[in-house]
Structure formats: structure tokens, C-alpha cells
Amino acid sequence: MKIALLLVDIQNDYFPNGKMELRNADEASEYAKRILQHFRETNQPIFHIQHVSVQENATFFLPNTEGVHIHESVRPFQQETVILKHFPNSFRETPLLQELQNLQIEQVVVCGMMTHMCIDATVRAAFDFGFTCTVVHDACATKDLIFKNVSIPAVYIHNTILASLNDVYAEVISQAEFLQREQSLQT
């Protein structure tokens, strides 16, 4: 099965001192970096997804700011594809679907930020387009949310979204499990 990596929105604004700091962004990016290194070493397709805000009231990922840049931990190599997007779903009004189809990709491995927004939207869309999906849970991060004056900790948001994706929309595994499985396939 031909596989590709989607690194979604691992951008500076989500890190400490950014405009939308997430819980565990540094740790998630380090795990994503390990997955990225594997894809580089095995010469498999890599897609960096970069969100650029175009809405009038946007407060982060603003064009021409340091926060919009892809984080140094997973910075793309020149030959790697960067897909610019303006919506949570990485497929909406982008060339991502066509690029994956051109490469005859059947499976996508998804890492990135925010679990409850762009990861959720992208994985569900990928599934609807017929891709087999794997989400690397510890290579994703999110933030605390407030709903009806109740604060919901990021760990609950993260785990709830991943639980809702698991089994039907995606296989949800750790980076260690993913890398161990990949290593066993190569031997």
C-alpha cells in the first residue's frame, strides 16, 4: 500500500510565545520529527500543510509573520511539498487530493495540530476520499477549550477526538508503535 505523511499545521504560533500556544506542542513536534525522519530515510512522500489565515478577524497564522512559518523541528526540505490552506480541512480548496492521487497514495499518516480542529477535519475528509488513515496520537497537540462557561482540559479534548476517530476513520497509534511496525515491515 503506497503511503504518504501529512504534517498538518506544525507552525510557530502553536508553540511557547506564539499567538495560540497549545499544550504539549514541543513534545508533539518532536514525535512528529521522528515520523518525518522515517519518511525521509525511506524516501516516501511527505506533505507539509501550512495554514495561512485570510479571515478579517484572524488572530494567528497571519501572513508575513513569524507565527505562520512551519516550526523548525519539522521544517521542510526544498524538495518536499508544502500545501497552503485557509480552512481546517487540508483538502478544501487545496491541491492535496490531486497530489495524493497523482502519486497513487492509498494510505496517509497524519501528525500535527490542533487535534480537535485541523487533524479531525483532515482525517475525516481523507477517509471520505477513500484513504486508509493512521493518526499518530502523540505527534498531535491541542488546547484547553471553554464550552458554556466550562473549561475542558486539552488532554480530554485530545483523547475524545482521537477516540472518535479510532477504528472507523483511522487507526490511532503512538509514534513508537508506528515506527516499530514500519521497522518490522522492512526486515
N, C-alpha and C. Protein backbone atom coordinates (compact mmCIF):
# COMPACT_ATOMS: atom_id res chain seq x y z
N MET A 1 0.85 -1.18 0.00
CA MET A 1 0.00 0.00 0.00
C MET A 1 0.90 1.24 0.00
N LYS A 2 0.71 2.13 -0.96
CA LYS A 2 1.53 3.32 -1.06
C LYS A 2 1.08 4.36 -0.01
N ILE A 3 2.06 4.89 0.72
CA ILE A 3 1.78 5.69 1.91
C ILE A 3 2.43 7.06 1.79
N ALA A 4 1.79 8.07 2.42
CA ALA A 4 2.35 9.43 2.47
C ALA A 4 2.14 10.00 3.86
N LEU A 5 3.02 10.91 4.23
CA LEU A 5 2.94 11.60 5.51
C LEU A 5 2.32 12.98 5.32
N LEU A 6 1.34 13.31 6.16
CA LEU A 6 0.76 14.66 6.21
C LEU A 6 1.12 15.28 7.55
N LEU A 7 1.92 16.33 7.51
CA LEU A 7 2.26 17.09 8.71
C LEU A 7 1.41 18.36 8.68
N VAL A 8 0.42 18.41 9.54
CA VAL A 8 -0.60 19.45 9.48
C VAL A 8 -0.33 20.57 10.50
N ASP A 9 -0.07 21.77 10.00
CA ASP A 9 -0.05 22.99 10.81
C ASP A 9 0.91 22.97 12.00
N ILE A 10 2.05 22.36 11.85
CA ILE A 10 3.05 22.42 12.92
C ILE A 10 3.81 23.73 12.72
N GLN A 11 3.20 24.80 13.20
CA GLN A 11 3.64 26.17 12.91
C GLN A 11 3.93 26.94 14.20
N ASN A 12 4.76 27.95 14.08
CA ASN A 12 5.30 28.67 15.24
C ASN A 12 4.24 29.23 16.19
N ASP A 13 3.11 29.70 15.69
CA ASP A 13 2.10 30.28 16.58
C ASP A 13 1.56 29.29 17.61
N TYR A 14 1.73 28.00 17.39
CA TYR A 14 1.24 26.99 18.33
C TYR A 14 2.23 26.67 19.44
N PHE A 15 3.41 27.26 19.40
CA PHE A 15 4.47 26.95 20.35
C PHE A 15 4.59 28.04 21.41
N PRO A 16 5.34 27.78 22.49
CA PRO A 16 5.51 28.81 23.52
C PRO A 16 5.88 30.16 22.90
N ASN A 17 5.24 31.20 23.39
CA ASN A 17 5.37 32.58 22.91
C ASN A 17 4.67 32.84 21.58
N GLY A 18 3.95 31.84 21.06
CA GLY A 18 3.15 32.03 19.85
C GLY A 18 1.80 32.63 20.21
N LYS A 19 1.02 32.96 19.21
CA LYS A 19 -0.26 33.62 19.44
C LYS A 19 -1.39 32.66 19.82
N MET A 20 -1.16 31.32 19.70
CA MET A 20 -2.19 30.33 20.04
C MET A 20 -1.48 29.09 20.60
N GLU A 21 -0.79 29.28 21.74
CA GLU A 21 0.03 28.20 22.30
C GLU A 21 -0.84 27.00 22.67
N LEU A 22 -0.36 25.82 22.28
CA LEU A 22 -1.05 24.56 22.58
C LEU A 22 -0.35 23.83 23.71
N ARG A 23 -1.08 22.92 24.33
CA ARG A 23 -0.48 22.04 25.34
C ARG A 23 0.38 21.00 24.63
N ASN A 24 1.57 20.79 25.12
CA ASN A 24 2.48 19.75 24.63
C ASN A 24 2.90 19.93 23.17
N ALA A 25 2.93 21.16 22.67
CA ALA A 25 3.34 21.38 21.28
C ALA A 25 4.78 20.92 21.05
N ASP A 26 5.67 21.23 21.98
CA ASP A 26 7.08 20.83 21.80
C ASP A 26 7.22 19.32 21.74
N GLU A 27 6.57 18.61 22.65
CA GLU A 27 6.66 17.15 22.67
C GLU A 27 6.06 16.55 21.40
N ALA A 28 4.90 17.04 21.01
CA ALA A 28 4.25 16.52 19.80
C ALA A 28 5.13 16.76 18.58
N SER A 29 5.76 17.91 18.50
CA SER A 29 6.60 18.20 17.32
C SER A 29 7.83 17.30 17.30
N GLU A 30 8.35 16.94 18.46
CA GLU A 30 9.50 16.03 18.49
C GLU A 30 9.10 14.64 18.00
N TYR A 31 7.92 14.17 18.38
CA TYR A 31 7.44 12.89 17.87
C TYR A 31 7.15 12.97 16.38
N ALA A 32 6.58 14.07 15.94
CA ALA A 32 6.34 14.26 14.51
C ALA A 32 7.67 14.27 13.75
N LYS A 33 8.68 14.86 14.34
CA LYS A 33 10.02 14.89 13.72
C LYS A 33 10.55 13.48 13.51
N ARG A 34 10.31 12.59 14.47
CA ARG A 34 10.77 11.19 14.33
C ARG A 34 10.06 10.51 13.16
N ILE A 35 8.76 10.77 13.03
CA ILE A 35 8.00 10.20 11.91
C ILE A 35 8.52 10.78 10.60
N LEU A 36 8.73 12.08 10.58
CA LEU A 36 9.27 12.75 9.40
C LEU A 36 10.63 12.16 9.01
N GLN A 37 11.50 11.94 9.97
CA GLN A 37 12.81 11.36 9.68
C GLN A 37 12.68 9.98 9.04
N HIS A 38 11.72 9.20 9.53
CA HIS A 38 11.49 7.87 8.94
C HIS A 38 11.07 8.01 7.47
N PHE A 39 10.15 8.91 7.19
CA PHE A 39 9.69 9.08 5.81
C PHE A 39 10.82 9.60 4.91
N ARG A 40 11.66 10.44 5.46
CA ARG A 40 12.82 10.91 4.69
C ARG A 40 13.80 9.78 4.42
N GLU A 41 14.08 8.99 5.44
CA GLU A 41 15.03 7.88 5.28
C GLU A 41 14.53 6.82 4.31
N THR A 42 13.22 6.62 4.26
CA THR A 42 12.65 5.60 3.38
C THR A 42 12.18 6.18 2.06
N ASN A 43 12.44 7.46 1.86
CA ASN A 43 12.13 8.14 0.59
C ASN A 43 10.65 8.00 0.20
N GLN A 44 9.78 8.23 1.19
CA GLN A 44 8.34 8.17 0.95
C GLN A 44 7.78 9.60 0.90
N PRO A 45 6.66 9.81 0.22
CA PRO A 45 6.12 11.17 0.04
C PRO A 45 5.76 11.86 1.36
N ILE A 46 6.11 13.13 1.40
CA ILE A 46 5.86 13.97 2.58
C ILE A 46 5.14 15.24 2.12
N PHE A 47 4.07 15.58 2.85
CA PHE A 47 3.33 16.81 2.58
C PHE A 47 3.26 17.63 3.85
N HIS A 48 3.81 18.82 3.80
CA HIS A 48 3.71 19.78 4.90
C HIS A 48 2.50 20.66 4.60
N ILE A 49 1.57 20.70 5.53
CA ILE A 49 0.38 21.52 5.37
C ILE A 49 0.58 22.78 6.21
N GLN A 50 0.44 23.94 5.59
CA GLN A 50 0.66 25.21 6.28
C GLN A 50 -0.61 26.06 6.18
N HIS A 51 -1.14 26.40 7.34
CA HIS A 51 -2.35 27.23 7.39
C HIS A 51 -1.95 28.70 7.36
N VAL A 52 -2.54 29.45 6.47
CA VAL A 52 -2.37 30.90 6.40
C VAL A 52 -3.76 31.52 6.56
N SER A 53 -3.93 32.31 7.62
CA SER A 53 -5.24 32.90 7.89
C SER A 53 -5.52 34.04 6.93
N VAL A 54 -6.73 34.04 6.37
CA VAL A 54 -7.15 35.10 5.46
C VAL A 54 -8.43 35.78 5.94
N GLN A 55 -8.98 35.31 7.05
CA GLN A 55 -10.19 35.93 7.58
C GLN A 55 -9.85 37.28 8.23
N GLU A 56 -10.76 38.21 8.14
CA GLU A 56 -10.55 39.55 8.69
C GLU A 56 -10.25 39.55 10.18
N ASN A 57 -10.93 38.69 10.93
CA ASN A 57 -10.79 38.68 12.38
C ASN A 57 -9.75 37.67 12.88
N ALA A 58 -8.93 37.13 12.01
CA ALA A 58 -7.92 36.14 12.39
C ALA A 58 -6.91 36.76 13.37
N THR A 59 -6.48 35.94 14.33
CA THR A 59 -5.53 36.41 15.34
C THR A 59 -4.20 35.67 15.30
N PHE A 60 -4.12 34.59 14.53
CA PHE A 60 -2.87 33.85 14.43
C PHE A 60 -2.75 33.27 13.02
N PHE A 61 -1.54 32.79 12.70
CA PHE A 61 -1.18 32.33 11.35
C PHE A 61 -1.39 33.44 10.32
N LEU A 62 -1.10 34.65 10.74
CA LEU A 62 -1.26 35.80 9.87
C LEU A 62 -0.14 35.84 8.84
N PRO A 63 -0.47 36.21 7.60
CA PRO A 63 0.55 36.30 6.56
C PRO A 63 1.70 37.23 6.99
N ASN A 64 2.89 36.88 6.54
CA ASN A 64 4.08 37.71 6.78
C ASN A 64 4.40 37.90 8.26
N THR A 65 4.10 36.89 9.08
CA THR A 65 4.50 36.92 10.49
C THR A 65 5.37 35.70 10.77
N GLU A 66 6.12 35.76 11.84
CA GLU A 66 6.95 34.62 12.25
C GLU A 66 6.05 33.43 12.63
N GLY A 67 4.89 33.71 13.19
CA GLY A 67 3.99 32.66 13.65
C GLY A 67 3.45 31.76 12.57
N VAL A 68 3.38 32.24 11.34
CA VAL A 68 2.82 31.46 10.24
C VAL A 68 3.81 30.41 9.70
N HIS A 69 5.09 30.57 10.02
CA HIS A 69 6.11 29.67 9.47
C HIS A 69 6.04 28.28 10.10
N ILE A 70 6.38 27.28 9.31
CA ILE A 70 6.47 25.90 9.82
C ILE A 70 7.60 25.84 10.84
N HIS A 71 7.33 25.18 11.95
CA HIS A 71 8.27 25.10 13.07
C HIS A 71 9.58 24.44 12.65
N GLU A 72 10.66 24.90 13.24
CA GLU A 72 12.00 24.41 12.88
C GLU A 72 12.16 22.91 13.09
N SER A 73 11.41 22.32 14.00
CA SER A 73 11.55 20.88 14.27
C SER A 73 11.16 20.02 13.08
N VAL A 74 10.29 20.54 12.22
CA VAL A 74 9.82 19.77 11.05
C VAL A 74 9.92 20.59 9.76
N ARG A 75 10.80 21.57 9.76
CA ARG A 75 10.92 22.45 8.60
C ARG A 75 11.14 21.64 7.33
N PRO A 76 10.41 21.95 6.27
CA PRO A 76 10.50 21.18 5.03
C PRO A 76 11.86 21.34 4.33
N PHE A 77 12.29 20.26 3.73
CA PHE A 77 13.42 20.33 2.81
C PHE A 77 12.90 20.92 1.51
N GLN A 78 13.78 21.44 0.70
CA GLN A 78 13.38 22.13 -0.52
C GLN A 78 12.55 21.24 -1.45
N GLN A 79 12.86 19.95 -1.51
CA GLN A 79 12.16 19.06 -2.43
C GLN A 79 10.83 18.54 -1.87
N GLU A 80 10.52 18.86 -0.62
CA GLU A 80 9.27 18.40 -0.01
C GLU A 80 8.13 19.37 -0.32
N THR A 81 6.95 18.81 -0.51
CA THR A 81 5.79 19.59 -0.91
C THR A 81 5.18 20.32 0.28
N VAL A 82 4.89 21.61 0.08
CA VAL A 82 4.17 22.40 1.07
C VAL A 82 2.84 22.79 0.45
N ILE A 83 1.76 22.46 1.14
CA ILE A 83 0.41 22.78 0.70
C ILE A 83 -0.11 23.91 1.59
N LEU A 84 -0.47 25.04 0.98
CA LEU A 84 -1.05 26.14 1.73
C LEU A 84 -2.56 25.95 1.82
N LYS A 85 -3.11 26.19 3.00
CA LYS A 85 -4.55 26.06 3.18
C LYS A 85 -5.08 27.24 3.97
N HIS A 86 -6.41 27.43 3.87
CA HIS A 86 -7.07 28.53 4.57
C HIS A 86 -8.25 28.05 5.42
N PHE A 87 -8.46 26.74 5.47
CA PHE A 87 -9.57 26.15 6.22
C PHE A 87 -9.04 25.00 7.06
N PRO A 88 -9.78 24.53 8.07
CA PRO A 88 -9.32 23.40 8.88
C PRO A 88 -9.06 22.13 8.07
N ASN A 89 -9.90 21.82 7.10
CA ASN A 89 -9.75 20.64 6.27
C ASN A 89 -8.63 20.88 5.25
N SER A 90 -7.58 20.10 5.33
CA SER A 90 -6.41 20.28 4.46
C SER A 90 -6.71 20.02 2.99
N PHE A 91 -7.85 19.42 2.69
CA PHE A 91 -8.22 19.15 1.30
C PHE A 91 -9.04 20.28 0.68
N ARG A 92 -9.67 21.09 1.51
CA ARG A 92 -10.60 22.12 1.00
C ARG A 92 -9.83 23.23 0.27
N GLU A 93 -10.15 23.36 -1.02
CA GLU A 93 -9.58 24.39 -1.88
C GLU A 93 -8.05 24.37 -1.90
N THR A 94 -7.49 23.15 -1.85
CA THR A 94 -6.04 22.95 -1.98
C THR A 94 -5.79 21.86 -3.02
N PRO A 95 -4.57 21.72 -3.48
CA PRO A 95 -4.24 20.65 -4.43
C PRO A 95 -3.90 19.31 -3.77
N LEU A 96 -4.13 19.18 -2.46
CA LEU A 96 -3.70 17.97 -1.75
C LEU A 96 -4.28 16.69 -2.35
N LEU A 97 -5.58 16.63 -2.58
CA LEU A 97 -6.19 15.42 -3.11
C LEU A 97 -5.56 15.04 -4.45
N GLN A 98 -5.43 15.99 -5.34
CA GLN A 98 -4.85 15.72 -6.65
C GLN A 98 -3.41 15.23 -6.53
N GLU A 99 -2.64 15.85 -5.64
CA GLU A 99 -1.24 15.46 -5.45
C GLU A 99 -1.16 14.01 -4.95
N LEU A 100 -2.02 13.66 -3.99
CA LEU A 100 -2.02 12.29 -3.47
C LEU A 100 -2.45 11.30 -4.55
N GLN A 101 -3.47 11.66 -5.30
CA GLN A 101 -3.94 10.78 -6.38
C GLN A 101 -2.87 10.62 -7.47
N ASN A 102 -2.17 11.69 -7.80
CA ASN A 102 -1.11 11.61 -8.81
C ASN A 102 -0.02 10.62 -8.41
N LEU A 103 0.22 10.50 -7.10
CA LEU A 103 1.24 9.58 -6.59
C LEU A 103 0.66 8.19 -6.28
N GLN A 104 -0.63 8.03 -6.52
CA GLN A 104 -1.34 6.77 -6.26
C GLN A 104 -1.25 6.36 -4.79
N ILE A 105 -1.33 7.35 -3.91
CA ILE A 105 -1.29 7.11 -2.47
C ILE A 105 -2.61 6.46 -2.04
N GLU A 106 -2.48 5.46 -1.18
CA GLU A 106 -3.65 4.76 -0.63
C GLU A 106 -3.82 5.00 0.86
N GLN A 107 -2.71 5.30 1.54
CA GLN A 107 -2.74 5.48 3.00
C GLN A 107 -2.05 6.79 3.36
N VAL A 108 -2.64 7.53 4.31
CA VAL A 108 -1.99 8.73 4.84
C VAL A 108 -1.74 8.55 6.33
N VAL A 109 -0.57 9.03 6.74
CA VAL A 109 -0.21 9.07 8.15
C VAL A 109 -0.27 10.54 8.54
N VAL A 110 -1.04 10.85 9.58
CA VAL A 110 -1.31 12.24 9.93
C VAL A 110 -0.74 12.56 11.31
N CYS A 111 0.02 13.66 11.35
CA CYS A 111 0.54 14.24 12.58
C CYS A 111 0.25 15.73 12.54
N GLY A 112 0.13 16.37 13.70
CA GLY A 112 0.01 17.82 13.66
C GLY A 112 -0.89 18.44 14.69
N MET A 113 -1.42 19.60 14.33
CA MET A 113 -2.08 20.47 15.28
C MET A 113 -3.25 21.19 14.62
N MET A 114 -4.28 21.49 15.25
CA MET A 114 -4.80 21.11 16.54
C MET A 114 -5.63 19.84 16.37
N THR A 115 -5.50 18.95 17.32
CA THR A 115 -6.21 17.67 17.26
C THR A 115 -7.70 17.87 17.02
N HIS A 116 -8.32 18.79 17.76
CA HIS A 116 -9.78 18.93 17.72
C HIS A 116 -10.27 19.70 16.49
N MET A 117 -9.37 20.27 15.71
CA MET A 117 -9.81 21.09 14.59
C MET A 117 -9.25 20.54 13.27
N CYS A 118 -8.04 20.88 12.94
CA CYS A 118 -7.50 20.54 11.62
C CYS A 118 -7.15 19.06 11.47
N ILE A 119 -6.73 18.42 12.54
CA ILE A 119 -6.47 16.97 12.45
C ILE A 119 -7.79 16.24 12.24
N ASP A 120 -8.78 16.56 13.06
CA ASP A 120 -10.10 15.94 12.93
C ASP A 120 -10.67 16.15 11.53
N ALA A 121 -10.69 17.40 11.06
CA ALA A 121 -11.28 17.71 9.75
C ALA A 121 -10.52 17.02 8.61
N THR A 122 -9.21 17.00 8.69
CA THR A 122 -8.40 16.41 7.63
C THR A 122 -8.55 14.90 7.58
N VAL A 123 -8.54 14.25 8.73
CA VAL A 123 -8.67 12.79 8.76
C VAL A 123 -10.04 12.36 8.26
N ARG A 124 -11.08 13.02 8.68
CA ARG A 124 -12.42 12.66 8.21
C ARG A 124 -12.56 12.85 6.70
N ALA A 125 -11.98 13.93 6.17
CA ALA A 125 -12.02 14.17 4.73
C ALA A 125 -11.21 13.10 3.99
N ALA A 126 -10.03 12.79 4.51
CA ALA A 126 -9.19 11.76 3.87
C ALA A 126 -9.93 10.43 3.81
N PHE A 127 -10.57 10.07 4.90
CA PHE A 127 -11.37 8.83 4.93
C PHE A 127 -12.47 8.89 3.89
N ASP A 128 -13.17 10.02 3.81
CA ASP A 128 -14.25 10.15 2.83
C ASP A 128 -13.75 10.09 1.39
N PHE A 129 -12.50 10.48 1.17
CA PHE A 129 -11.90 10.37 -0.16
C PHE A 129 -11.35 8.97 -0.44
N GLY A 130 -11.47 8.06 0.53
CA GLY A 130 -11.09 6.68 0.30
C GLY A 130 -9.71 6.29 0.79
N PHE A 131 -9.03 7.17 1.51
CA PHE A 131 -7.71 6.83 2.03
C PHE A 131 -7.82 6.05 3.33
N THR A 132 -6.91 5.12 3.52
CA THR A 132 -6.72 4.49 4.81
C THR A 132 -5.91 5.47 5.64
N CYS A 133 -6.34 5.73 6.86
CA CYS A 133 -5.72 6.77 7.68
C CYS A 133 -5.10 6.21 8.96
N THR A 134 -3.95 6.73 9.28
CA THR A 134 -3.30 6.47 10.56
C THR A 134 -3.02 7.81 11.21
N VAL A 135 -3.42 7.97 12.45
CA VAL A 135 -3.12 9.18 13.21
C VAL A 135 -2.12 8.81 14.29
N VAL A 136 -1.03 9.54 14.35
CA VAL A 136 -0.02 9.33 15.38
C VAL A 136 -0.36 10.25 16.55
N HIS A 137 -0.99 9.67 17.57
CA HIS A 137 -1.62 10.49 18.63
C HIS A 137 -0.65 11.34 19.41
N ASP A 138 0.55 10.85 19.69
CA ASP A 138 1.48 11.65 20.48
C ASP A 138 2.26 12.65 19.63
N ALA A 139 2.02 12.64 18.34
CA ALA A 139 2.59 13.64 17.43
C ALA A 139 1.53 14.67 17.04
N CYS A 140 0.51 14.79 17.90
CA CYS A 140 -0.56 15.78 17.73
C CYS A 140 -0.72 16.55 19.04
N ALA A 141 -1.26 17.76 18.95
CA ALA A 141 -1.47 18.57 20.15
C ALA A 141 -2.71 19.43 19.97
N THR A 142 -3.26 19.85 21.11
CA THR A 142 -4.42 20.74 21.09
C THR A 142 -4.36 21.66 22.30
N LYS A 143 -5.47 22.30 22.61
CA LYS A 143 -5.51 23.27 23.71
C LYS A 143 -6.76 23.06 24.56
N ASP A 144 -6.77 23.71 25.71
CA ASP A 144 -7.98 23.73 26.53
C ASP A 144 -9.07 24.47 25.76
N LEU A 145 -10.30 24.05 25.95
CA LEU A 145 -11.43 24.74 25.35
C LEU A 145 -12.43 25.15 26.43
N ILE A 146 -13.24 26.13 26.12
CA ILE A 146 -14.33 26.52 27.00
C ILE A 146 -15.63 26.36 26.24
N PHE A 147 -16.58 25.66 26.87
CA PHE A 147 -17.90 25.48 26.29
C PHE A 147 -18.93 25.75 27.37
N LYS A 148 -19.80 26.73 27.11
CA LYS A 148 -20.85 27.11 28.05
C LYS A 148 -20.27 27.38 29.45
N ASN A 149 -19.20 28.15 29.47
CA ASN A 149 -18.52 28.57 30.70
C ASN A 149 -17.85 27.43 31.46
N VAL A 150 -17.65 26.30 30.81
CA VAL A 150 -16.97 25.18 31.44
C VAL A 150 -15.64 24.98 30.71
N SER A 151 -14.56 24.96 31.48
CA SER A 151 -13.24 24.74 30.90
C SER A 151 -13.01 23.24 30.74
N ILE A 152 -12.58 22.85 29.53
CA ILE A 152 -12.31 21.44 29.24
C ILE A 152 -10.82 21.31 28.96
N PRO A 153 -10.10 20.56 29.81
CA PRO A 153 -8.65 20.44 29.65
C PRO A 153 -8.27 19.81 28.30
N ALA A 154 -7.13 20.24 27.78
CA ALA A 154 -6.64 19.77 26.48
C ALA A 154 -6.54 18.25 26.42
N VAL A 155 -6.13 17.62 27.50
CA VAL A 155 -5.98 16.16 27.48
C VAL A 155 -7.33 15.49 27.19
N TYR A 156 -8.42 16.04 27.71
CA TYR A 156 -9.74 15.47 27.44
C TYR A 156 -10.17 15.73 26.00
N ILE A 157 -9.91 16.93 25.52
CA ILE A 157 -10.23 17.27 24.13
C ILE A 157 -9.47 16.32 23.20
N HIS A 158 -8.16 16.24 23.42
CA HIS A 158 -7.28 15.40 22.59
C HIS A 158 -7.77 13.95 22.56
N ASN A 159 -7.97 13.39 23.74
CA ASN A 159 -8.37 11.98 23.83
C ASN A 159 -9.77 11.72 23.28
N THR A 160 -10.68 12.65 23.47
CA THR A 160 -12.04 12.48 22.95
C THR A 160 -12.05 12.48 21.42
N ILE A 161 -11.34 13.42 20.82
CA ILE A 161 -11.28 13.48 19.35
C ILE A 161 -10.62 12.21 18.81
N LEU A 162 -9.52 11.82 19.41
CA LEU A 162 -8.82 10.62 18.92
C LEU A 162 -9.68 9.37 19.10
N ALA A 163 -10.40 9.29 20.21
CA ALA A 163 -11.30 8.14 20.42
C ALA A 163 -12.40 8.12 19.38
N SER A 164 -12.89 9.29 18.98
CA SER A 164 -13.95 9.33 17.97
C SER A 164 -13.44 8.98 16.57
N LEU A 165 -12.16 9.22 16.31
CA LEU A 165 -11.58 8.85 15.02
C LEU A 165 -11.18 7.38 14.96
N ASN A 166 -10.78 6.84 16.11
CA ASN A 166 -10.21 5.49 16.15
C ASN A 166 -11.20 4.44 15.68
N ASP A 167 -10.70 3.51 14.92
CA ASP A 167 -11.40 2.35 14.36
C ASP A 167 -12.18 2.65 13.08
N VAL A 168 -13.06 3.62 13.08
CA VAL A 168 -13.84 3.89 11.87
C VAL A 168 -13.06 4.76 10.89
N TYR A 169 -12.61 5.92 11.34
CA TYR A 169 -11.94 6.86 10.45
C TYR A 169 -10.44 6.62 10.33
N ALA A 170 -9.84 6.08 11.38
CA ALA A 170 -8.39 5.94 11.38
C ALA A 170 -7.96 4.91 12.40
N GLU A 171 -6.75 4.45 12.21
CA GLU A 171 -6.04 3.72 13.24
C GLU A 171 -5.27 4.78 14.02
N VAL A 172 -5.45 4.82 15.33
CA VAL A 172 -4.77 5.81 16.16
C VAL A 172 -3.72 5.08 17.00
N ILE A 173 -2.45 5.42 16.74
CA ILE A 173 -1.34 4.74 17.42
C ILE A 173 -0.27 5.75 17.82
N SER A 174 0.66 5.31 18.64
CA SER A 174 1.77 6.17 19.08
C SER A 174 2.87 6.17 18.02
N GLN A 175 3.77 7.13 18.12
CA GLN A 175 4.89 7.16 17.18
C GLN A 175 5.77 5.93 17.37
N ALA A 176 5.94 5.46 18.60
CA ALA A 176 6.75 4.26 18.84
C ALA A 176 6.12 3.05 18.17
N GLU A 177 4.80 2.90 18.29
CA GLU A 177 4.12 1.78 17.63
C GLU A 177 4.24 1.88 16.12
N PHE A 178 4.07 3.07 15.58
CA PHE A 178 4.18 3.24 14.13
C PHE A 178 5.58 2.89 13.65
N LEU A 179 6.60 3.42 14.30
CA LEU A 179 7.97 3.18 13.86
C LEU A 179 8.38 1.71 14.04
N GLN A 180 7.90 1.10 15.11
CA GLN A 180 8.19 -0.32 15.32
C GLN A 180 7.57 -1.17 14.22
N ARG A 181 6.35 -0.87 13.86
CA ARG A 181 5.68 -1.62 12.79
C ARG A 181 6.39 -1.40 11.46
N GLU A 182 6.76 -0.16 11.17
CA GLU A 182 7.47 0.13 9.92
C GLU A 182 8.80 -0.61 9.87
N GLN A 183 9.49 -0.65 10.99
CA GLN A 183 10.78 -1.34 11.04
C GLN A 183 10.60 -2.84 10.79
N SER A 184 9.53 -3.42 11.35
CA SER A 184 9.30 -4.85 11.16
C SER A 184 8.92 -5.17 9.72
N LEU A 185 8.29 -4.22 9.01
CA LEU A 185 7.93 -4.42 7.61
C LEU A 185 9.17 -4.39 6.70
N GLN A 186 10.20 -3.70 7.15
CA GLN A 186 11.41 -3.55 6.33
C GLN A 186 12.39 -4.69 6.53
N THR A 187 12.18 -5.50 7.58
CA THR A 187 13.13 -6.59 7.82
C THR A 187 12.61 -7.91 7.30
